[in-house]
C-alpha atoms as a PDB file:
ATOM      1  CA  UNK A   1      -0.140  -0.285  -0.055  1.00  0.00           C
ATOM      2  CA  UNK A   2       1.463   3.671  -1.319  1.00  0.00           C
ATOM      3  CA  UNK A   3       2.348   5.811   1.308  1.00  0.00           C
ATOM      4  CA  UNK A   4      -0.789   8.493   1.590  1.00  0.00           C
ATOM      5  CA  UNK A   5       0.750  12.128   1.161  1.00  0.00           C
ATOM      6  CA  UNK A   6      -0.846  15.544   2.170  1.00  0.00           C
ATOM      7  CA  UNK A   7       0.129  18.672   0.433  1.00  0.00           C
ATOM      8  CA  UNK A   8      -0.998  22.307   0.181  1.00  0.00           C
ATOM      9  CA  UNK A   9      -1.073  22.429  -4.113  1.00  0.00           C
ATOM     10  CA  UNK A  10      -1.654  20.062  -6.683  1.00  0.00           C
ATOM     11  CA  UNK A  11       0.901  17.899  -8.799  1.00  0.00           C
ATOM     12  CA  UNK A  12       3.335  20.392 -10.202  1.00  0.00           C
ATOM     13  CA  UNK A  13       3.772  22.477  -7.022  1.00  0.00           C
ATOM     14  CA  UNK A  14       6.864  22.978  -4.809  1.00  0.00           C
ATOM     15  CA  UNK A  15       4.690  20.689  -2.159  1.00  0.00           C
ATOM     16  CA  UNK A  16       4.324  18.018  -4.461  1.00  0.00           C
ATOM     17  CA  UNK A  17       8.394  18.307  -5.463  1.00  0.00           C
ATOM     18  CA  UNK A  18       9.471  18.007  -1.926  1.00  0.00           C
ATOM     19  CA  UNK A  19       7.037  15.371  -1.290  1.00  0.00           C
ATOM     20  CA  UNK A  20       8.377  12.910  -3.948  1.00  0.00           C
ATOM     21  CA  UNK A  21      12.200  14.641  -2.823  1.00  0.00           C
ATOM     22  CA  UNK A  22      11.616  13.466   0.630  1.00  0.00           C
ATOM     23  CA  UNK A  23       9.329   9.759   0.071  1.00  0.00           C
ATOM     24  CA  UNK A  24      10.242   9.222  -3.675  1.00  0.00           C
ATOM     25  CA  UNK A  25       8.034   8.447  -6.053  1.00  0.00           C
ATOM     26  CA  UNK A  26       5.653   5.643  -4.752  1.00  0.00           C
ATOM     27  CA  UNK A  27       3.273   8.042  -3.194  1.00  0.00           C
ATOM     28  CA  UNK A  28      -0.212   8.263  -2.837  1.00  0.00           C
ATOM     29  CA  UNK A  29      -0.325  11.899  -3.336  1.00  0.00           C
ATOM     30  CA  UNK A  30      -3.335  13.477  -1.497  1.00  0.00           C
ATOM     31  CA  UNK A  31      -3.891  17.240  -3.022  1.00  0.00           C
ATOM     32  CA  UNK A  32      -5.307  19.972  -0.900  1.00  0.00           C
ATOM     33  CA  UNK A  33      -5.962  23.760  -1.699  1.00  0.00           C
ATOM     34  CA  UNK A  34      -5.419  24.815   1.573  1.00  0.00           C
ATOM     35  CA  UNK A  35      -3.600  24.070   4.858  1.00  0.00           C
ATOM     36  CA  UNK A  36      -6.368  23.588   6.913  1.00  0.00           C
ATOM     37  CA  UNK A  37      -7.772  20.718   4.375  1.00  0.00           C
ATOM     38  CA  UNK A  38      -4.317  19.108   4.410  1.00  0.00           C
ATOM     39  CA  UNK A  39      -4.273  19.092   8.182  1.00  0.00           C
ATOM     40  CA  UNK A  40      -8.307  17.533   8.156  1.00  0.00           C
ATOM     41  CA  UNK A  41      -6.790  14.872   6.251  1.00  0.00           C
ATOM     42  CA  UNK A  42      -4.095  13.732   8.302  1.00  0.00           C
ATOM     43  CA  UNK A  43      -6.404  13.969  11.812  1.00  0.00           C
ATOM     44  CA  UNK A  44      -8.863  11.895  10.156  1.00  0.00           C
ATOM     45  CA  UNK A  45      -6.303   9.039   8.924  1.00  0.00           C
ATOM     46  CA  UNK A  46      -7.137   9.956   5.242  1.00  0.00           C
ATOM     47  CA  UNK A  47      -3.348  11.136   4.900  1.00  0.00           C
ATOM     48  CA  UNK A  48      -0.364   9.111   6.730  1.00  0.00           C
ATOM     49  CA  UNK A  49       1.877  12.323   6.869  1.00  0.00           C
ATOM     50  CA  UNK A  50       1.706  16.030   5.571  1.00  0.00           C
ATOM     51  CA  UNK A  51       4.130  18.113   3.386  1.00  0.00           C
ATOM     52  CA  UNK A  52       4.404  21.843   4.801  1.00  0.00           C
ATOM     53  CA  UNK A  53       5.976  25.549   3.783  1.00  0.00           C
ATOM     54  CA  UNK A  54       7.377  26.751   7.112  1.00  0.00           C
ATOM     55  CA  UNK A  55       9.236  29.883   5.778  1.00  0.00           C
ATOM     56  CA  UNK A  56      11.404  31.174   2.947  1.00  0.00           C
ATOM     57  CA  UNK A  57      14.567  32.572   2.760  1.00  0.00           C
ATOM     58  CA  UNK A  58      13.101  36.041   1.732  1.00  0.00           C
ATOM     59  CA  UNK A  59       9.522  35.982   2.495  1.00  0.00           C
ATOM     60  CA  UNK A  60      10.115  35.012   6.100  1.00  0.00           C
ATOM     61  CA  UNK A  61       7.820  33.094   8.418  1.00  0.00           C
ATOM     62  CA  UNK A  62       4.401  31.057   7.378  1.00  0.00           C
ATOM     63  CA  UNK A  63       3.378  32.518  10.648  1.00  0.00           C
ATOM     64  CA  UNK A  64      -0.107  30.863  10.861  1.00  0.00           C
ATOM     65  CA  UNK A  65       1.227  27.357  10.038  1.00  0.00           C
ATOM     66  CA  UNK A  66       3.386  27.413  13.767  1.00  0.00           C
ATOM     67  CA  UNK A  67      -0.388  27.819  15.241  1.00  0.00           C
ATOM     68  CA  UNK A  68      -2.111  25.324  12.702  1.00  0.00           C
ATOM     69  CA  UNK A  69       0.513  22.278  14.253  1.00  0.00           C
ATOM     70  CA  UNK A  70      -0.237  23.401  17.517  1.00  0.00           C
ATOM     71  CA  UNK A  71      -3.461  23.595  18.111  1.00  0.00           C
ATOM     72  CA  UNK A  72      -3.983  20.571  16.201  1.00  0.00           C
ATOM     73  CA  UNK A  73      -1.312  18.941  18.069  1.00  0.00           C
ATOM     74  CA  UNK A  74       0.883  17.525  14.933  1.00  0.00           C
ATOM     75  CA  UNK A  75       4.124  16.372  15.423  1.00  0.00           C
ATOM     76  CA  UNK A  76       7.444  17.525  13.058  1.00  0.00           C
ATOM     77  CA  UNK A  77       8.801  14.324  12.000  1.00  0.00           C
ATOM     78  CA  UNK A  78      11.241  15.773   9.176  1.00  0.00           C
ATOM     79  CA  UNK A  79      12.092  18.640   7.668  1.00  0.00           C
ATOM     80  CA  UNK A  80      13.420  19.286   3.776  1.00  0.00           C
ATOM     81  CA  UNK A  81      14.781  22.429   2.076  1.00  0.00           C
ATOM     82  CA  UNK A  82      13.769  22.940  -1.825  1.00  0.00           C
ATOM     83  CA  UNK A  83      15.322  25.798  -3.792  1.00  0.00           C
ATOM     84  CA  UNK A  84      12.783  27.768  -5.366  1.00  0.00           C
ATOM     85  CA  UNK A  85      12.919  28.301  -9.132  1.00  0.00           C
ATOM     86  CA  UNK A  86       9.663  30.606 -10.167  1.00  0.00           C
ATOM     87  CA  UNK A  87       8.901  30.850 -14.603  1.00  0.00           C
ATOM     88  CA  UNK A  88       6.391  32.952 -16.238  1.00  0.00           C
ATOM     89  CA  UNK A  89       4.191  30.553 -17.874  1.00  0.00           C
ATOM     90  CA  UNK A  90       1.566  30.765 -20.366  1.00  0.00           C
ATOM     91  CA  UNK A  91      -0.505  28.917 -23.111  1.00  0.00           C
ATOM     92  CA  UNK A  92       1.440  28.929 -26.292  1.00  0.00           C
ATOM     93  CA  UNK A  93       2.443  31.627 -28.330  1.00  0.00           C
ATOM     94  CA  UNK A  94       2.308  34.441 -26.250  1.00  0.00           C
ATOM     95  CA  UNK A  95       4.627  36.626 -25.954  1.00  0.00           C
ATOM     96  CA  UNK A  96       5.003  38.693 -22.846  1.00  0.00           C
ATOM     97  CA  UNK A  97       3.829  41.697 -24.247  1.00  0.00           C
ATOM     98  CA  UNK A  98       0.641  39.715 -25.148  1.00  0.00           C
ATOM     99  CA  UNK A  99      -0.059  38.893 -20.594  1.00  0.00           C
ATOM    100  CA  UNK A 100      -2.486  41.488 -19.518  1.00  0.00           C
ATOM    101  CA  UNK A 101      -2.589  39.374 -16.204  1.00  0.00           C
ATOM    102  CA  UNK A 102      -0.398  37.228 -13.495  1.00  0.00           C
ATOM    103  CA  UNK A 103      -1.874  34.984 -11.233  1.00  0.00           C
ATOM    104  CA  UNK A 104      -0.037  32.968  -9.099  1.00  0.00           C
ATOM    105  CA  UNK A 105       0.113  31.796  -4.968  1.00  0.00           C
ATOM    106  CA  UNK A 106       1.045  35.813  -2.851  1.00  0.00           C
ATOM    107  CA  UNK A 107       4.224  34.417  -2.272  1.00  0.00           C
ATOM    108  CA  UNK A 108       5.231  33.459  -5.406  1.00  0.00           C
ATOM    109  CA  UNK A 109       4.393  37.287  -6.200  1.00  0.00           C
ATOM    110  CA  UNK A 110       6.554  38.350  -3.696  1.00  0.00           C
ATOM    111  CA  UNK A 111       9.246  36.627  -4.484  1.00  0.00           C
ATOM    112  CA  UNK A 112       9.158  37.855  -8.347  1.00  0.00           C
ATOM    113  CA  UNK A 113       8.218  41.552  -7.549  1.00  0.00           C
ATOM    114  CA  UNK A 114      11.156  43.404  -9.096  1.00  0.00           C
ATOM    115  CA  UNK A 115      10.916  41.431 -12.599  1.00  0.00           C
ATOM    116  CA  UNK A 116       7.146  41.803 -12.646  1.00  0.00           C
ATOM    117  CA  UNK A 117       7.438  45.763 -11.824  1.00  0.00           C
ATOM    118  CA  UNK A 118       9.098  45.587 -15.296  1.00  0.00           C
ATOM    119  CA  UNK A 119       6.510  44.923 -16.724  1.00  0.00           C
ATOM    120  CA  UNK A 120       3.703  47.997 -15.689  1.00  0.00           C
ATOM    121  CA  UNK A 121       0.684  46.445 -17.664  1.00  0.00           C
ATOM    122  CA  UNK A 122       0.714  43.261 -16.097  1.00  0.00           C
ATOM    123  CA  UNK A 123      -2.683  43.295 -12.908  1.00  0.00           C
ATOM    124  CA  UNK A 124      -1.313  41.078 -10.483  1.00  0.00           C
ATOM    125  CA  UNK A 125      -4.114  38.611  -9.304  1.00  0.00           C
ATOM    126  CA  UNK A 126      -3.518  36.170  -6.011  1.00  0.00           C
ATOM    127  CA  UNK A 127      -4.151  32.614  -6.428  1.00  0.00           C
ATOM    128  CA  UNK A 128      -4.417  29.439  -3.671  1.00  0.00           C
ATOM    129  CA  UNK A 129      -1.633  27.801  -5.668  1.00  0.00           C
ATOM    130  CA  UNK A 130       0.688  28.506  -8.049  1.00  0.00           C
ATOM    131  CA  UNK A 131       0.794  24.683 -10.430  1.00  0.00           C
ATOM    132  CA  UNK A 132      -3.419  25.218  -9.517  1.00  0.00           C
ATOM    133  CA  UNK A 133      -3.248  28.720 -11.703  1.00  0.00           C
ATOM    134  CA  UNK A 134      -0.979  26.634 -14.505  1.00  0.00           C
ATOM    135  CA  UNK A 135      -3.679  24.298 -14.566  1.00  0.00           C
ATOM    136  CA  UNK A 136      -6.867  26.150 -14.370  1.00  0.00           C
ATOM    137  CA  UNK A 137      -5.078  28.624 -17.691  1.00  0.00           C
ATOM    138  CA  UNK A 138      -4.698  25.211 -19.838  1.00  0.00           C
ATOM    139  CA  UNK A 139      -8.441  23.565 -18.849  1.00  0.00           C
ATOM    140  CA  UNK A 140     -10.064  26.717 -19.628  1.00  0.00           C
ATOM    141  CA  UNK A 141      -7.560  28.254 -22.251  1.00  0.00           C
ATOM    142  CA  UNK A 142      -6.781  31.164 -20.523  1.00  0.00           C
ATOM    143  CA  UNK A 143      -5.618  33.385 -23.257  1.00  0.00           C
ATOM    144  CA  UNK A 144      -3.122  36.804 -21.949  1.00  0.00           C
ATOM    145  CA  UNK A 145      -3.694  34.971 -18.555  1.00  0.00           C
ATOM    146  CA  UNK A 146       0.197  34.105 -17.250  1.00  0.00           C
ATOM    147  CA  UNK A 147       0.997  31.609 -14.001  1.00  0.00           C
ATOM    148  CA  UNK A 148       4.314  32.218 -12.241  1.00  0.00           C
ATOM    149  CA  UNK A 149       5.057  28.183 -10.689  1.00  0.00           C
ATOM    150  CA  UNK A 150       7.412  25.688 -11.045  1.00  0.00           C
ATOM    151  CA  UNK A 151       9.107  24.379 -14.434  1.00  0.00           C
ATOM    152  CA  UNK A 152       7.306  20.858 -13.472  1.00  0.00           C
ATOM    153  CA  UNK A 153       4.238  22.549 -13.901  1.00  0.00           C
ATOM    154  CA  UNK A 154       4.397  23.940 -17.714  1.00  0.00           C
ATOM    155  CA  UNK A 155       5.513  20.618 -18.297  1.00  0.00           C
ATOM    156  CA  UNK A 156       2.359  19.011 -17.001  1.00  0.00           C
ATOM    157  CA  UNK A 157      -0.043  21.220 -18.021  1.00  0.00           C
ATOM    158  CA  UNK A 158       1.502  22.451 -21.905  1.00  0.00           C
ATOM    159  CA  UNK A 159       2.327  25.087 -20.940  1.00  0.00           C
ATOM    160  CA  UNK A 160       5.282  27.531 -22.445  1.00  0.00           C
ATOM    161  CA  UNK A 161       7.612  29.424 -20.709  1.00  0.00           C
ATOM    162  CA  UNK A 162       7.522  33.092 -21.297  1.00  0.00           C
ATOM    163  CA  UNK A 163      10.427  34.221 -19.140  1.00  0.00           C
ATOM    164  CA  UNK A 164      12.224  31.958 -16.468  1.00  0.00           C
ATOM    165  CA  UNK A 165      13.934  31.779 -13.437  1.00  0.00           C
ATOM    166  CA  UNK A 166      11.891  35.250 -13.022  1.00  0.00           C
ATOM    167  CA  UNK A 167      12.687  35.044  -8.842  1.00  0.00           C
ATOM    168  CA  UNK A 168      14.393  38.130  -7.649  1.00  0.00           C
ATOM    169  CA  UNK A 169      17.180  36.397  -5.409  1.00  0.00           C
ATOM    170  CA  UNK A 170      18.182  33.821  -7.457  1.00  0.00           C
ATOM    171  CA  UNK A 171      19.321  31.473  -4.221  1.00  0.00           C
ATOM    172  CA  UNK A 172      15.564  31.737  -2.510  1.00  0.00           C
ATOM    173  CA  UNK A 173      15.017  28.771  -0.883  1.00  0.00           C
ATOM    174  CA  UNK A 174      12.035  27.422   1.265  1.00  0.00           C
ATOM    175  CA  UNK A 175      11.678  24.993   4.609  1.00  0.00           C
ATOM    176  CA  UNK A 176       8.859  22.345   4.052  1.00  0.00           C
ATOM    177  CA  UNK A 177       8.825  20.112   7.496  1.00  0.00           C
ATOM    178  CA  UNK A 178       6.755  17.120   7.443  1.00  0.00           C
ATOM    179  CA  UNK A 179       4.509  16.816   9.987  1.00  0.00           C
ATOM    180  CA  UNK A 180       2.341  13.374  11.168  1.00  0.00           C
ATOM    181  CA  UNK A 181      -0.812  12.502  13.841  1.00  0.00           C
ATOM    182  CA  UNK A 182       1.654  10.655  15.960  1.00  0.00           C
ATOM    183  CA  UNK A 183       5.436  11.496  17.085  1.00  0.00           C
ATOM    184  CA  UNK A 184       7.961   9.388  15.199  1.00  0.00           C
ATOM    185  CA  UNK A 185      10.597   8.242  17.342  1.00  0.00           C
ATOM    186  CA  UNK A 186      14.440   8.353  15.995  1.00  0.00           C
ATOM    187  CA  UNK A 187      17.288   6.797  17.480  1.00  0.00           C
ATOM    188  CA  UNK A 188      18.648   9.464  19.684  1.00  0.00           C
ATOM    189  CA  UNK A 189      22.024   9.864  18.071  1.00  0.00           C
ATOM    190  CA  UNK A 190      20.409  10.549  14.579  1.00  0.00           C
ATOM    191  CA  UNK A 191      17.976  13.350  16.128  1.00  0.00           C
ATOM    192  CA  UNK A 192      19.982  16.964  16.570  1.00  0.00           C
ATOM    193  CA  UNK A 193      17.042  19.349  16.051  1.00  0.00           C
ATOM    194  CA  UNK A 194      13.976  20.294  17.810  1.00  0.00           C
ATOM    195  CA  UNK A 195      11.029  22.371  17.082  1.00  0.00           C
ATOM    196  CA  UNK A 196      10.043  24.007  20.656  1.00  0.00           C
ATOM    197  CA  UNK A 197       6.782  26.075  21.964  1.00  0.00           C
ATOM    198  CA  UNK A 198       6.701  27.915  25.242  1.00  0.00           C
ATOM    199  CA  UNK A 199       5.199  30.851  26.866  1.00  0.00           C
ATOM    200  CA  UNK A 200       7.010  32.901  29.396  1.00  0.00           C
ATOM    201  CA  UNK A 201       5.530  34.978  32.823  1.00  0.00           C
ATOM    202  CA  UNK A 202       5.728  38.565  32.296  1.00  0.00           C
ATOM    203  CA  UNK A 203       8.605  39.342  34.747  1.00  0.00           C
ATOM    204  CA  UNK A 204      11.255  41.365  33.323  1.00  0.00           C
ATOM    205  CA  UNK A 205      14.188  39.629  31.817  1.00  0.00           C
ATOM    206  CA  UNK A 206      12.172  35.553  31.442  1.00  0.00           C
ATOM    207  CA  UNK A 207      13.161  35.613  28.322  1.00  0.00           C
ATOM    208  CA  UNK A 208      16.689  36.350  27.853  1.00  0.00           C
ATOM    209  CA  UNK A 209      16.962  33.605  30.862  1.00  0.00           C
ATOM    210  CA  UNK A 210      15.538  30.778  28.267  1.00  0.00           C
ATOM    211  CA  UNK A 211      17.734  31.865  26.142  1.00  0.00           C
ATOM    212  CA  UNK A 212      20.971  31.342  28.332  1.00  0.00           C
ATOM    213  CA  UNK A 213      19.585  27.958  29.529  1.00  0.00           C
ATOM    214  CA  UNK A 214      19.548  27.096  25.863  1.00  0.00           C
ATOM    215  CA  UNK A 215      23.019  28.360  25.497  1.00  0.00           C
ATOM    216  CA  UNK A 216      24.512  26.806  28.836  1.00  0.00           C
ATOM    217  CA  UNK A 217      23.090  23.233  27.871  1.00  0.00           C
ATOM    218  CA  UNK A 218      24.974  23.772  23.974  1.00  0.00           C
ATOM    219  CA  UNK A 219      21.776  24.082  22.402  1.00  0.00           C
ATOM    220  CA  UNK A 220      21.916  26.858  19.411  1.00  0.00           C
ATOM    221  CA  UNK A 221      19.162  29.085  18.208  1.00  0.00           C
ATOM    222  CA  UNK A 222      18.680  28.775  14.573  1.00  0.00           C
ATOM    223  CA  UNK A 223      14.789  30.156  14.758  1.00  0.00           C
ATOM    224  CA  UNK A 224      12.675  32.120  17.084  1.00  0.00           C
ATOM    225  CA  UNK A 225       9.568  33.268  16.237  1.00  0.00           C
ATOM    226  CA  UNK A 226       6.769  35.201  18.867  1.00  0.00           C
ATOM    227  CA  UNK A 227       2.369  34.758  17.855  1.00  0.00           C
ATOM    228  CA  UNK A 228       0.104  36.455  20.033  1.00  0.00           C
ATOM    229  CA  UNK A 229      -2.173  33.729  22.136  1.00  0.00           C
ATOM    230  CA  UNK A 230      -5.563  34.373  21.178  1.00  0.00           C
ATOM    231  CA  UNK A 231      -7.219  33.638  24.377  1.00  0.00           C
ATOM    232  CA  UNK A 232      -5.011  36.159  25.940  1.00  0.00           C
ATOM    233  CA  UNK A 233      -4.374  39.705  25.027  1.00  0.00           C
ATOM    234  CA  UNK A 234      -1.325  40.996  25.139  1.00  0.00           C
ATOM    235  CA  UNK A 235       0.526  37.591  25.915  1.00  0.00           C
ATOM    236  CA  UNK A 236       3.116  35.736  23.581  1.00  0.00           C
ATOM    237  CA  UNK A 237       4.215  32.417  22.473  1.00  0.00           C
ATOM    238  CA  UNK A 238       7.520  31.475  21.117  1.00  0.00           C
ATOM    239  CA  UNK A 239       8.104  29.091  18.662  1.00  0.00           C
ATOM    240  CA  UNK A 240      11.913  27.816  18.599  1.00  0.00           C
ATOM    241  CA  UNK A 241      14.466  25.775  16.595  1.00  0.00           C
ATOM    242  CA  UNK A 242      17.183  24.789  18.295  1.00  0.00           C
ATOM    243  CA  UNK A 243      20.243  22.346  16.912  1.00  0.00           C
ATOM    244  CA  UNK A 244      22.706  20.566  19.245  1.00  0.00           C
ATOM    245  CA  UNK A 245      25.388  17.834  18.735  1.00  0.00           C
ATOM    246  CA  UNK A 246      24.610  15.435  21.697  1.00  0.00           C
ATOM    247  CA  UNK A 247      20.656  14.852  22.300  1.00  0.00           C
ATOM    248  CA  UNK A 248      22.155  14.365  26.190  1.00  0.00           C
ATOM    249  CA  UNK A 249      22.286  18.319  25.452  1.00  0.00           C
ATOM    250  CA  UNK A 250      18.790  18.611  24.626  1.00  0.00           C
ATOM    251  CA  UNK A 251      17.301  16.491  27.293  1.00  0.00           C
ATOM    252  CA  UNK A 252      18.574  18.362  30.400  1.00  0.00           C
ATOM    253  CA  UNK A 253      17.922  21.712  28.752  1.00  0.00           C
ATOM    254  CA  UNK A 254      14.009  19.725  28.221  1.00  0.00           C
ATOM    255  CA  UNK A 255      14.097  19.183  32.145  1.00  0.00           C
ATOM    256  CA  UNK A 256      14.908  23.047  33.295  1.00  0.00           C
ATOM    257  CA  UNK A 257      12.662  24.454  30.587  1.00  0.00           C
ATOM    258  CA  UNK A 258       9.896  22.572  31.639  1.00  0.00           C
ATOM    259  CA  UNK A 259      10.077  23.813  35.689  1.00  0.00           C
ATOM    260  CA  UNK A 260      11.093  27.055  34.222  1.00  0.00           C
ATOM    261  CA  UNK A 261       7.938  28.248  32.134  1.00  0.00           C
ATOM    262  CA  UNK A 262       4.357  28.492  32.028  1.00  0.00           C
ATOM    263  CA  UNK A 263       3.750  26.609  28.978  1.00  0.00           C
ATOM    264  CA  UNK A 264       6.524  24.263  27.386  1.00  0.00           C
ATOM    265  CA  UNK A 265       5.836  22.150  24.764  1.00  0.00           C
ATOM    266  CA  UNK A 266       8.437  19.656  22.370  1.00  0.00           C
ATOM    267  CA  UNK A 267       6.493  20.093  18.431  1.00  0.00           C
ATOM    268  CA  UNK A 268       8.990  17.772  17.271  1.00  0.00           C
ATOM    269  CA  UNK A 269      12.565  16.097  18.000  1.00  0.00           C
ATOM    270  CA  UNK A 270      14.394  15.252  14.069  1.00  0.00           C
ATOM    271  CA  UNK A 271      17.273  15.624  11.869  1.00  0.00           C
ATOM    272  CA  UNK A 272      18.869  18.475  10.680  1.00  0.00           C
ATOM    273  CA  UNK A 273      18.048  18.449   6.871  1.00  0.00           C
ATOM    274  CA  UNK A 274      20.990  21.424   6.624  1.00  0.00           C
ATOM    275  CA  UNK A 275      23.465  18.473   7.986  1.00  0.00           C
ATOM    276  CA  UNK A 276      22.116  15.848   5.990  1.00  0.00           C
END
């Protein structure tokens, strides 16, 4: 039986690319046009695991996804970094001067803004997914409309690339996480990264104390993101990624932080993809 992998988007999207890179070609893709729908599939066991974009090297964190993971009790079991390549594509035979409208995911539009500003006649329209936009252009035979999507989407949906590699920064990359309903236990010697969520009290220096404990335990802080706690005005939760060389250092840090903090949750323990 094939592994069912839920993605935000459809075949030809960056999420599809990550799913095949991480799990191989022999998977059953569960296509979802929102992250909420993807979560629903995982919780209902109609998908075994999910692939979720969490941050981009240009545009920063996809903040709502942090809350989705925590609120639904999901676990991060892995990560994957993907170099992002954006291409302008349309029905065959159209020059860029004939294109009137460009549709894509808001993140893709943002990442190609320098190119788009060079063509002020183009109307920019946000859509749910890069590859879905490409598919709609082909299915509905939309003349004068272009999509920004990965190269594979042009191949899948028989579109012509009008302008290749239009992303503003060429070494643009997105970090994706692999999520699961139950935690996956790796051997301790293979775990060298963790994602945490915690809240502190309102005492001055509370966050600094937490960061000092992490440093004293030889944890390397690679990401910190604060989000409001919706139920409590002016209170914030912190989402943190840490790396470590020795799992015992992480164990020591966990035992101290559990005592110090009002709330402390380990969202995932997994292998650092940058060291793979």
